[in-house]
């Protein structure tokens, strides 16, 4: 007779630790009186080299590669890939999740599409580290004081929270619906049975309700961006250190043309031959 698998949840000590860490980082980033939202991408770029790339709707939300130390003992910036095939609110959560690992639990990982649950896509229980990263992301993105402040601003009363209210708060904080439901439960604005009821709603029904109430979250943009490659490429081109065709090649890695960044074709420009293009690609 098989035993029912117990869902592992964070002990109170770990929750209190994560809350302290989140508050400390909000203070350090001077965001204690602000909603983070998409600013998290700028914060992430301070601590990692970030690549934005469409990995597919069912692909991982993010991937992190931690670099080792050099001969001087210095650790290089980690590389983080954010999946731009998923909605922006999910990208925001993935970025905050990765910040926890970068700041407190250095390790390489791929964030599965099922990260908002307590198990992965195969039903395997998430380890404590991942649960802590999730809770940190929620605390960092939806600080309790800010959440209560916004609830007061929009006359959303604790214990009288409806699905429309949840979607409004989700849009304000740019976080996934499930994240907001759990945060409201964590601050005791909704009861556990209400939390479970709201979490049981399908993605399709949630999307229909968003449209009904006109609360939109920026959809996946499928963008490709490689850290500050575009800025560097344009800068060295304007300093005449690379050719126009080399600039074209570098910008193409981000699905851009020189004209997209205000660079016009030089009058003396001669399109490169096939051999020259091959040589550029091999560099």
C-alpha atoms as a PDB file:
ATOM      1  CA  UNK A   1       0.000   0.000   0.000  1.00  0.00           C
ATOM      2  CA  UNK A   2       1.557   3.268  -1.133  1.00  0.00           C
ATOM      3  CA  UNK A   3       1.840   6.192   1.221  1.00  0.00           C
ATOM      4  CA  UNK A   4       0.475   9.623   0.404  1.00  0.00           C
ATOM      5  CA  UNK A   5       3.367  11.918  -0.404  1.00  0.00           C
ATOM      6  CA  UNK A   6       3.663  14.776   2.061  1.00  0.00           C
ATOM      7  CA  UNK A   7       4.214  18.221   0.617  1.00  0.00           C
ATOM      8  CA  UNK A   8       7.259  19.817   2.208  1.00  0.00           C
ATOM      9  CA  UNK A   9       6.726  23.456   3.138  1.00  0.00           C
ATOM     10  CA  UNK A  10       9.151  25.956   4.546  1.00  0.00           C
ATOM     11  CA  UNK A  11       9.583  25.810   8.338  1.00  0.00           C
ATOM     12  CA  UNK A  12       8.823  29.050  10.182  1.00  0.00           C
ATOM     13  CA  UNK A  13      12.528  29.657  10.835  1.00  0.00           C
ATOM     14  CA  UNK A  14      13.350  29.617   7.122  1.00  0.00           C
ATOM     15  CA  UNK A  15      10.384  31.870   6.363  1.00  0.00           C
ATOM     16  CA  UNK A  16      11.563  34.433   8.916  1.00  0.00           C
ATOM     17  CA  UNK A  17      15.088  34.253   7.478  1.00  0.00           C
ATOM     18  CA  UNK A  18      13.852  34.833   3.930  1.00  0.00           C
ATOM     19  CA  UNK A  19      11.705  37.745   5.096  1.00  0.00           C
ATOM     20  CA  UNK A  20      14.736  39.380   6.745  1.00  0.00           C
ATOM     21  CA  UNK A  21      16.838  38.838   3.629  1.00  0.00           C
ATOM     22  CA  UNK A  22      14.162  40.303   1.359  1.00  0.00           C
ATOM     23  CA  UNK A  23      13.701  43.372   3.554  1.00  0.00           C
ATOM     24  CA  UNK A  24      17.472  43.870   3.703  1.00  0.00           C
ATOM     25  CA  UNK A  25      17.793  43.764  -0.081  1.00  0.00           C
ATOM     26  CA  UNK A  26      14.837  46.100  -0.552  1.00  0.00           C
ATOM     27  CA  UNK A  27      16.619  48.559   1.721  1.00  0.00           C
ATOM     28  CA  UNK A  28      19.933  48.063  -0.040  1.00  0.00           C
ATOM     29  CA  UNK A  29      18.269  48.665  -3.422  1.00  0.00           C
ATOM     30  CA  UNK A  30      16.369  51.644  -1.922  1.00  0.00           C
ATOM     31  CA  UNK A  31      13.040  50.094  -2.892  1.00  0.00           C
ATOM     32  CA  UNK A  32      11.324  49.892   0.499  1.00  0.00           C
ATOM     33  CA  UNK A  33       8.683  52.398  -0.612  1.00  0.00           C
ATOM     34  CA  UNK A  34       8.326  51.294  -4.216  1.00  0.00           C
ATOM     35  CA  UNK A  35       6.802  48.511  -6.251  1.00  0.00           C
ATOM     36  CA  UNK A  36       9.618  46.577  -7.923  1.00  0.00           C
ATOM     37  CA  UNK A  37       7.852  45.139 -10.990  1.00  0.00           C
ATOM     38  CA  UNK A  38       9.956  45.208 -14.145  1.00  0.00           C
ATOM     39  CA  UNK A  39      12.678  47.163 -12.327  1.00  0.00           C
ATOM     40  CA  UNK A  40      13.872  43.749 -11.220  1.00  0.00           C
ATOM     41  CA  UNK A  41      15.530  43.325 -14.620  1.00  0.00           C
ATOM     42  CA  UNK A  42      17.696  46.392 -14.021  1.00  0.00           C
ATOM     43  CA  UNK A  43      18.570  45.103 -10.548  1.00  0.00           C
ATOM     44  CA  UNK A  44      19.462  41.686 -11.974  1.00  0.00           C
ATOM     45  CA  UNK A  45      21.752  43.315 -14.561  1.00  0.00           C
ATOM     46  CA  UNK A  46      23.840  44.769 -11.718  1.00  0.00           C
ATOM     47  CA  UNK A  47      24.706  41.285 -10.491  1.00  0.00           C
ATOM     48  CA  UNK A  48      24.646  39.130 -13.635  1.00  0.00           C
ATOM     49  CA  UNK A  49      25.118  39.177 -17.373  1.00  0.00           C
ATOM     50  CA  UNK A  50      21.581  38.704 -18.621  1.00  0.00           C
ATOM     51  CA  UNK A  51      20.497  37.120 -21.878  1.00  0.00           C
ATOM     52  CA  UNK A  52      16.864  37.434 -22.963  1.00  0.00           C
ATOM     53  CA  UNK A  53      15.865  34.693 -25.375  1.00  0.00           C
ATOM     54  CA  UNK A  54      12.626  32.900 -26.392  1.00  0.00           C
ATOM     55  CA  UNK A  55      12.975  29.353 -25.035  1.00  0.00           C
ATOM     56  CA  UNK A  56       9.353  28.363 -25.710  1.00  0.00           C
ATOM     57  CA  UNK A  57       6.182  28.521 -23.614  1.00  0.00           C
ATOM     58  CA  UNK A  58       6.958  25.158 -22.020  1.00  0.00           C
ATOM     59  CA  UNK A  59      10.680  25.844 -21.698  1.00  0.00           C
ATOM     60  CA  UNK A  60      12.409  26.805 -18.444  1.00  0.00           C
ATOM     61  CA  UNK A  61      11.569  30.250 -17.103  1.00  0.00           C
ATOM     62  CA  UNK A  62      15.235  30.973 -16.583  1.00  0.00           C
ATOM     63  CA  UNK A  63      18.701  29.446 -16.565  1.00  0.00           C
ATOM     64  CA  UNK A  64      21.656  30.480 -14.431  1.00  0.00           C
ATOM     65  CA  UNK A  65      25.298  29.572 -14.877  1.00  0.00           C
ATOM     66  CA  UNK A  66      27.584  30.471 -12.020  1.00  0.00           C
ATOM     67  CA  UNK A  67      31.219  31.191 -12.862  1.00  0.00           C
ATOM     68  CA  UNK A  68      34.069  29.927 -10.736  1.00  0.00           C
ATOM     69  CA  UNK A  69      36.802  32.023  -9.181  1.00  0.00           C
ATOM     70  CA  UNK A  70      39.925  33.161 -10.993  1.00  0.00           C
ATOM     71  CA  UNK A  71      43.510  32.872  -9.753  1.00  0.00           C
ATOM     72  CA  UNK A  72      43.014  35.987  -7.617  1.00  0.00           C
ATOM     73  CA  UNK A  73      39.968  34.517  -5.909  1.00  0.00           C
ATOM     74  CA  UNK A  74      37.517  36.856  -7.646  1.00  0.00           C
ATOM     75  CA  UNK A  75      34.198  35.448  -8.825  1.00  0.00           C
ATOM     76  CA  UNK A  76      32.947  36.617 -12.214  1.00  0.00           C
ATOM     77  CA  UNK A  77      29.387  37.717 -12.858  1.00  0.00           C
ATOM     78  CA  UNK A  78      27.032  34.775 -13.385  1.00  0.00           C
ATOM     79  CA  UNK A  79      25.141  34.402 -16.658  1.00  0.00           C
ATOM     80  CA  UNK A  80      21.345  34.401 -16.455  1.00  0.00           C
ATOM     81  CA  UNK A  81      18.998  33.603 -19.336  1.00  0.00           C
ATOM     82  CA  UNK A  82      15.390  34.797 -19.090  1.00  0.00           C
ATOM     83  CA  UNK A  83      12.799  33.082 -21.270  1.00  0.00           C
ATOM     84  CA  UNK A  84      10.965  35.764 -23.287  1.00  0.00           C
ATOM     85  CA  UNK A  85       8.403  33.257 -24.561  1.00  0.00           C
ATOM     86  CA  UNK A  86       6.578  33.513 -21.226  1.00  0.00           C
ATOM     87  CA  UNK A  87       4.490  36.488 -20.014  1.00  0.00           C
ATOM     88  CA  UNK A  88       6.371  39.400 -18.484  1.00  0.00           C
ATOM     89  CA  UNK A  89       4.994  38.719 -14.985  1.00  0.00           C
ATOM     90  CA  UNK A  90       6.575  35.256 -15.111  1.00  0.00           C
ATOM     91  CA  UNK A  91       9.847  36.776 -16.345  1.00  0.00           C
ATOM     92  CA  UNK A  92       9.753  39.183 -13.381  1.00  0.00           C
ATOM     93  CA  UNK A  93       9.314  36.298 -10.938  1.00  0.00           C
ATOM     94  CA  UNK A  94      12.105  34.300 -12.603  1.00  0.00           C
ATOM     95  CA  UNK A  95      14.493  37.268 -12.297  1.00  0.00           C
ATOM     96  CA  UNK A  96      13.726  37.689  -8.568  1.00  0.00           C
ATOM     97  CA  UNK A  97      14.061  33.932  -8.013  1.00  0.00           C
ATOM     98  CA  UNK A  98      17.521  34.021  -9.603  1.00  0.00           C
ATOM     99  CA  UNK A  99      18.561  36.992  -7.489  1.00  0.00           C
ATOM    100  CA  UNK A 100      18.080  34.864  -4.386  1.00  0.00           C
ATOM    101  CA  UNK A 101      20.499  32.238  -5.718  1.00  0.00           C
ATOM    102  CA  UNK A 102      23.008  34.878  -6.813  1.00  0.00           C
ATOM    103  CA  UNK A 103      22.903  36.667  -3.465  1.00  0.00           C
ATOM    104  CA  UNK A 104      22.482  33.827  -0.996  1.00  0.00           C
ATOM    105  CA  UNK A 105      22.645  30.350  -2.501  1.00  0.00           C
ATOM    106  CA  UNK A 106      25.130  30.355  -5.372  1.00  0.00           C
ATOM    107  CA  UNK A 107      24.383  27.514  -7.744  1.00  0.00           C
ATOM    108  CA  UNK A 108      23.715  26.846 -11.413  1.00  0.00           C
ATOM    109  CA  UNK A 109      20.137  25.905 -12.212  1.00  0.00           C
ATOM    110  CA  UNK A 110      17.304  25.892 -14.713  1.00  0.00           C
ATOM    111  CA  UNK A 111      13.981  27.219 -13.429  1.00  0.00           C
ATOM    112  CA  UNK A 112      11.222  24.851 -14.612  1.00  0.00           C
ATOM    113  CA  UNK A 113       7.908  26.162 -15.895  1.00  0.00           C
ATOM    114  CA  UNK A 114       6.263  24.602 -12.817  1.00  0.00           C
ATOM    115  CA  UNK A 115       8.304  26.660 -10.334  1.00  0.00           C
ATOM    116  CA  UNK A 116       5.243  28.300  -8.747  1.00  0.00           C
ATOM    117  CA  UNK A 117       4.125  24.971  -7.286  1.00  0.00           C
ATOM    118  CA  UNK A 118       5.742  22.873  -4.565  1.00  0.00           C
ATOM    119  CA  UNK A 119       6.743  20.191  -7.092  1.00  0.00           C
ATOM    120  CA  UNK A 120       8.441  20.216 -10.484  1.00  0.00           C
ATOM    121  CA  UNK A 121       6.906  19.122 -13.790  1.00  0.00           C
ATOM    122  CA  UNK A 122       7.562  15.477 -12.879  1.00  0.00           C
ATOM    123  CA  UNK A 123       5.836  15.739  -9.503  1.00  0.00           C
ATOM    124  CA  UNK A 124       9.130  15.706  -7.616  1.00  0.00           C
ATOM    125  CA  UNK A 125       9.163  17.789  -4.447  1.00  0.00           C
ATOM    126  CA  UNK A 126      11.167  21.020  -4.750  1.00  0.00           C
ATOM    127  CA  UNK A 127      14.071  21.149  -2.328  1.00  0.00           C
ATOM    128  CA  UNK A 128      14.262  23.694   0.486  1.00  0.00           C
ATOM    129  CA  UNK A 129      16.610  25.901  -1.513  1.00  0.00           C
ATOM    130  CA  UNK A 130      14.064  26.297  -4.323  1.00  0.00           C
ATOM    131  CA  UNK A 131      11.206  26.898  -1.904  1.00  0.00           C
ATOM    132  CA  UNK A 132      13.290  29.597  -0.210  1.00  0.00           C
ATOM    133  CA  UNK A 133      14.089  31.196  -3.582  1.00  0.00           C
ATOM    134  CA  UNK A 134      10.378  31.234  -4.395  1.00  0.00           C
ATOM    135  CA  UNK A 135       9.439  32.774  -1.060  1.00  0.00           C
ATOM    136  CA  UNK A 136      12.236  35.332  -1.374  1.00  0.00           C
ATOM    137  CA  UNK A 137      10.991  36.334  -4.842  1.00  0.00           C
ATOM    138  CA  UNK A 138       7.465  36.774  -3.474  1.00  0.00           C
ATOM    139  CA  UNK A 139       8.629  38.805  -0.460  1.00  0.00           C
ATOM    140  CA  UNK A 140      10.970  40.923  -2.603  1.00  0.00           C
ATOM    141  CA  UNK A 141       8.422  41.659  -5.332  1.00  0.00           C
ATOM    142  CA  UNK A 142       5.352  41.941  -3.098  1.00  0.00           C
ATOM    143  CA  UNK A 143       6.515  43.454   0.169  1.00  0.00           C
ATOM    144  CA  UNK A 144       3.803  43.140   2.819  1.00  0.00           C
ATOM    145  CA  UNK A 145       3.793  46.834   3.706  1.00  0.00           C
ATOM    146  CA  UNK A 146       3.511  47.844   0.045  1.00  0.00           C
ATOM    147  CA  UNK A 147       0.794  45.254  -0.553  1.00  0.00           C
ATOM    148  CA  UNK A 148      -1.293  46.517   2.356  1.00  0.00           C
ATOM    149  CA  UNK A 149      -0.742  50.090   1.207  1.00  0.00           C
ATOM    150  CA  UNK A 150      -2.027  49.297  -2.293  1.00  0.00           C
ATOM    151  CA  UNK A 151      -4.978  47.396  -0.848  1.00  0.00           C
ATOM    152  CA  UNK A 152      -5.930  50.498   1.146  1.00  0.00           C
ATOM    153  CA  UNK A 153      -5.466  52.728  -1.923  1.00  0.00           C
ATOM    154  CA  UNK A 154      -7.879  50.606  -3.967  1.00  0.00           C
ATOM    155  CA  UNK A 155     -10.286  49.905  -1.084  1.00  0.00           C
ATOM    156  CA  UNK A 156      -9.522  46.179  -1.065  1.00  0.00           C
ATOM    157  CA  UNK A 157     -10.458  44.933   2.391  1.00  0.00           C
ATOM    158  CA  UNK A 158      -8.829  41.894   4.024  1.00  0.00           C
ATOM    159  CA  UNK A 159     -11.148  38.873   4.193  1.00  0.00           C
ATOM    160  CA  UNK A 160     -13.335  40.432   1.521  1.00  0.00           C
ATOM    161  CA  UNK A 161     -10.924  39.896  -1.363  1.00  0.00           C
ATOM    162  CA  UNK A 162     -12.475  38.764  -4.643  1.00  0.00           C
ATOM    163  CA  UNK A 163     -10.870  37.471  -7.815  1.00  0.00           C
ATOM    164  CA  UNK A 164     -11.181  40.936  -9.405  1.00  0.00           C
ATOM    165  CA  UNK A 165      -9.160  42.360  -6.520  1.00  0.00           C
ATOM    166  CA  UNK A 166      -6.492  39.680  -6.950  1.00  0.00           C
ATOM    167  CA  UNK A 167      -6.165  40.425 -10.661  1.00  0.00           C
ATOM    168  CA  UNK A 168      -5.915  44.149  -9.966  1.00  0.00           C
ATOM    169  CA  UNK A 169      -3.105  43.602  -7.468  1.00  0.00           C
ATOM    170  CA  UNK A 170      -1.417  41.167  -9.849  1.00  0.00           C
ATOM    171  CA  UNK A 171      -1.362  43.851 -12.544  1.00  0.00           C
ATOM    172  CA  UNK A 172      -0.105  46.525 -10.117  1.00  0.00           C
ATOM    173  CA  UNK A 173       2.846  44.418  -8.935  1.00  0.00           C
ATOM    174  CA  UNK A 174       3.482  42.629 -12.273  1.00  0.00           C
ATOM    175  CA  UNK A 175       3.661  39.190 -10.687  1.00  0.00           C
ATOM    176  CA  UNK A 176       2.007  35.865 -11.567  1.00  0.00           C
ATOM    177  CA  UNK A 177      -1.550  35.295 -10.376  1.00  0.00           C
ATOM    178  CA  UNK A 178      -0.509  32.356  -8.168  1.00  0.00           C
ATOM    179  CA  UNK A 179       2.150  34.471  -6.492  1.00  0.00           C
ATOM    180  CA  UNK A 180      -0.380  37.135  -5.533  1.00  0.00           C
ATOM    181  CA  UNK A 181      -2.889  34.567  -4.247  1.00  0.00           C
ATOM    182  CA  UNK A 182      -0.210  33.023  -2.010  1.00  0.00           C
ATOM    183  CA  UNK A 183       0.987  36.418  -0.763  1.00  0.00           C
ATOM    184  CA  UNK A 184      -2.552  37.389   0.233  1.00  0.00           C
ATOM    185  CA  UNK A 185      -2.815  34.124   2.154  1.00  0.00           C
ATOM    186  CA  UNK A 186       0.616  34.629   3.747  1.00  0.00           C
ATOM    187  CA  UNK A 187      -0.384  38.051   5.110  1.00  0.00           C
ATOM    188  CA  UNK A 188      -3.740  36.565   6.198  1.00  0.00           C
ATOM    189  CA  UNK A 189      -5.815  38.751   3.889  1.00  0.00           C
ATOM    190  CA  UNK A 190      -7.542  35.596   2.635  1.00  0.00           C
ATOM    191  CA  UNK A 191      -8.133  32.285   4.396  1.00  0.00           C
ATOM    192  CA  UNK A 192      -6.471  28.996   3.451  1.00  0.00           C
ATOM    193  CA  UNK A 193      -9.642  27.554   1.898  1.00  0.00           C
ATOM    194  CA  UNK A 194     -10.057  30.703  -0.215  1.00  0.00           C
ATOM    195  CA  UNK A 195      -6.427  30.440  -1.266  1.00  0.00           C
ATOM    196  CA  UNK A 196      -6.932  26.877  -2.442  1.00  0.00           C
ATOM    197  CA  UNK A 197     -10.098  27.857  -4.306  1.00  0.00           C
ATOM    198  CA  UNK A 198      -8.347  30.666  -6.170  1.00  0.00           C
ATOM    199  CA  UNK A 199      -5.287  28.523  -6.923  1.00  0.00           C
ATOM    200  CA  UNK A 200      -7.552  25.851  -8.426  1.00  0.00           C
ATOM    201  CA  UNK A 201      -8.675  28.179 -11.226  1.00  0.00           C
ATOM    202  CA  UNK A 202      -7.372  27.221 -14.660  1.00  0.00           C
ATOM    203  CA  UNK A 203      -5.054  29.466 -16.661  1.00  0.00           C
ATOM    204  CA  UNK A 204      -7.779  29.810 -19.297  1.00  0.00           C
ATOM    205  CA  UNK A 205     -10.367  31.011 -16.769  1.00  0.00           C
ATOM    206  CA  UNK A 206      -7.874  33.455 -15.261  1.00  0.00           C
ATOM    207  CA  UNK A 207      -7.145  34.890 -18.712  1.00  0.00           C
ATOM    208  CA  UNK A 208     -10.863  35.249 -19.420  1.00  0.00           C
ATOM    209  CA  UNK A 209     -11.324  37.119 -16.131  1.00  0.00           C
ATOM    210  CA  UNK A 210      -8.389  39.404 -16.944  1.00  0.00           C
ATOM    211  CA  UNK A 211     -10.122  40.373 -20.175  1.00  0.00           C
ATOM    212  CA  UNK A 212     -13.475  40.817 -18.441  1.00  0.00           C
ATOM    213  CA  UNK A 213     -12.026  43.271 -15.941  1.00  0.00           C
ATOM    214  CA  UNK A 214      -9.486  44.824 -18.362  1.00  0.00           C
ATOM    215  CA  UNK A 215      -6.459  43.965 -16.219  1.00  0.00           C
ATOM    216  CA  UNK A 216      -3.647  43.177 -18.608  1.00  0.00           C
ATOM    217  CA  UNK A 217      -0.156  41.829 -18.086  1.00  0.00           C
ATOM    218  CA  UNK A 218       2.384  42.466 -20.869  1.00  0.00           C
ATOM    219  CA  UNK A 219       2.481  39.298 -22.930  1.00  0.00           C
ATOM    220  CA  UNK A 220       5.594  37.459 -24.058  1.00  0.00           C
ATOM    221  CA  UNK A 221       7.563  39.618 -26.477  1.00  0.00           C
ATOM    222  CA  UNK A 222       9.931  36.887 -27.748  1.00  0.00           C
ATOM    223  CA  UNK A 223      12.727  39.455 -27.637  1.00  0.00           C
ATOM    224  CA  UNK A 224      16.397  38.605 -27.967  1.00  0.00           C
ATOM    225  CA  UNK A 225      18.896  40.734 -26.060  1.00  0.00           C
ATOM    226  CA  UNK A 226      22.402  39.827 -24.971  1.00  0.00           C
ATOM    227  CA  UNK A 227      23.423  41.928 -21.978  1.00  0.00           C
ATOM    228  CA  UNK A 228      24.761  45.280 -23.276  1.00  0.00           C
ATOM    229  CA  UNK A 229      26.029  43.849 -26.582  1.00  0.00           C
ATOM    230  CA  UNK A 230      24.044  46.336 -28.695  1.00  0.00           C
ATOM    231  CA  UNK A 231      25.336  49.351 -26.783  1.00  0.00           C
ATOM    232  CA  UNK A 232      28.928  48.142 -26.993  1.00  0.00           C
ATOM    233  CA  UNK A 233      28.658  47.287 -30.690  1.00  0.00           C
ATOM    234  CA  UNK A 234      27.293  50.732 -31.595  1.00  0.00           C
ATOM    235  CA  UNK A 235      29.896  52.425 -29.411  1.00  0.00           C
ATOM    236  CA  UNK A 236      32.881  50.713 -31.007  1.00  0.00           C
ATOM    237  CA  UNK A 237      31.410  51.242 -34.508  1.00  0.00           C
ATOM    238  CA  UNK A 238      31.062  54.976 -33.862  1.00  0.00           C
ATOM    239  CA  UNK A 239      34.696  54.985 -32.725  1.00  0.00           C
ATOM    240  CA  UNK A 240      35.532  53.397 -36.131  1.00  0.00           C
ATOM    241  CA  UNK A 241      36.948  50.256 -34.528  1.00  0.00           C
ATOM    242  CA  UNK A 242      34.709  47.836 -36.470  1.00  0.00           C
ATOM    243  CA  UNK A 243      33.228  47.885 -39.949  1.00  0.00           C
ATOM    244  CA  UNK A 244      29.598  48.409 -40.863  1.00  0.00           C
ATOM    245  CA  UNK A 245      29.224  44.738 -41.804  1.00  0.00           C
ATOM    246  CA  UNK A 246      30.670  43.659 -38.466  1.00  0.00           C
ATOM    247  CA  UNK A 247      28.143  45.938 -36.759  1.00  0.00           C
ATOM    248  CA  UNK A 248      25.392  44.299 -38.824  1.00  0.00           C
ATOM    249  CA  UNK A 249      26.536  40.875 -37.678  1.00  0.00           C
ATOM    250  CA  UNK A 250      26.687  41.823 -33.997  1.00  0.00           C
ATOM    251  CA  UNK A 251      23.262  43.475 -34.068  1.00  0.00           C
ATOM    252  CA  UNK A 252      21.741  40.501 -35.884  1.00  0.00           C
ATOM    253  CA  UNK A 253      22.379  38.453 -32.749  1.00  0.00           C
ATOM    254  CA  UNK A 254      19.660  40.589 -31.125  1.00  0.00           C
ATOM    255  CA  UNK A 255      17.413  40.561 -34.216  1.00  0.00           C
ATOM    256  CA  UNK A 256      18.280  44.180 -34.988  1.00  0.00           C
ATOM    257  CA  UNK A 257      19.503  46.138 -38.004  1.00  0.00           C
ATOM    258  CA  UNK A 258      21.787  49.201 -37.807  1.00  0.00           C
ATOM    259  CA  UNK A 259      18.828  51.395 -38.818  1.00  0.00           C
ATOM    260  CA  UNK A 260      16.970  50.209 -35.689  1.00  0.00           C
ATOM    261  CA  UNK A 261      19.567  51.993 -33.544  1.00  0.00           C
ATOM    262  CA  UNK A 262      19.922  55.084 -35.707  1.00  0.00           C
ATOM    263  CA  UNK A 263      22.884  53.972 -37.867  1.00  0.00           C
ATOM    264  CA  UNK A 264      22.569  54.618 -41.601  1.00  0.00           C
ATOM    265  CA  UNK A 265      24.410  52.802 -44.357  1.00  0.00           C
ATOM    266  CA  UNK A 266      27.688  54.638 -45.140  1.00  0.00           C
ATOM    267  CA  UNK A 267      27.829  56.032 -48.678  1.00  0.00           C
ATOM    268  CA  UNK A 268      31.004  54.102 -49.364  1.00  0.00           C
ATOM    269  CA  UNK A 269      29.517  50.856 -48.070  1.00  0.00           C
ATOM    270  CA  UNK A 270      30.052  47.822 -50.289  1.00  0.00           C
ATOM    271  CA  UNK A 271      28.132  44.699 -49.213  1.00  0.00           C
ATOM    272  CA  UNK A 272      30.558  41.959 -48.149  1.00  0.00           C
ATOM    273  CA  UNK A 273      31.147  39.004 -50.417  1.00  0.00           C
ATOM    274  CA  UNK A 274      30.139  35.469 -49.444  1.00  0.00           C
ATOM    275  CA  UNK A 275      33.748  34.742 -48.467  1.00  0.00           C
ATOM    276  CA  UNK A 276      33.888  37.854 -46.277  1.00  0.00           C
ATOM    277  CA  UNK A 277      30.624  36.908 -44.589  1.00  0.00           C
ATOM    278  CA  UNK A 278      31.981  33.433 -43.909  1.00  0.00           C
ATOM    279  CA  UNK A 279      35.102  34.979 -42.368  1.00  0.00           C
ATOM    280  CA  UNK A 280      32.976  37.220 -40.118  1.00  0.00           C
ATOM    281  CA  UNK A 281      30.897  34.274 -38.949  1.00  0.00           C
ATOM    282  CA  UNK A 282      34.042  32.346 -38.067  1.00  0.00           C
ATOM    283  CA  UNK A 283      35.469  35.105 -35.873  1.00  0.00           C
END
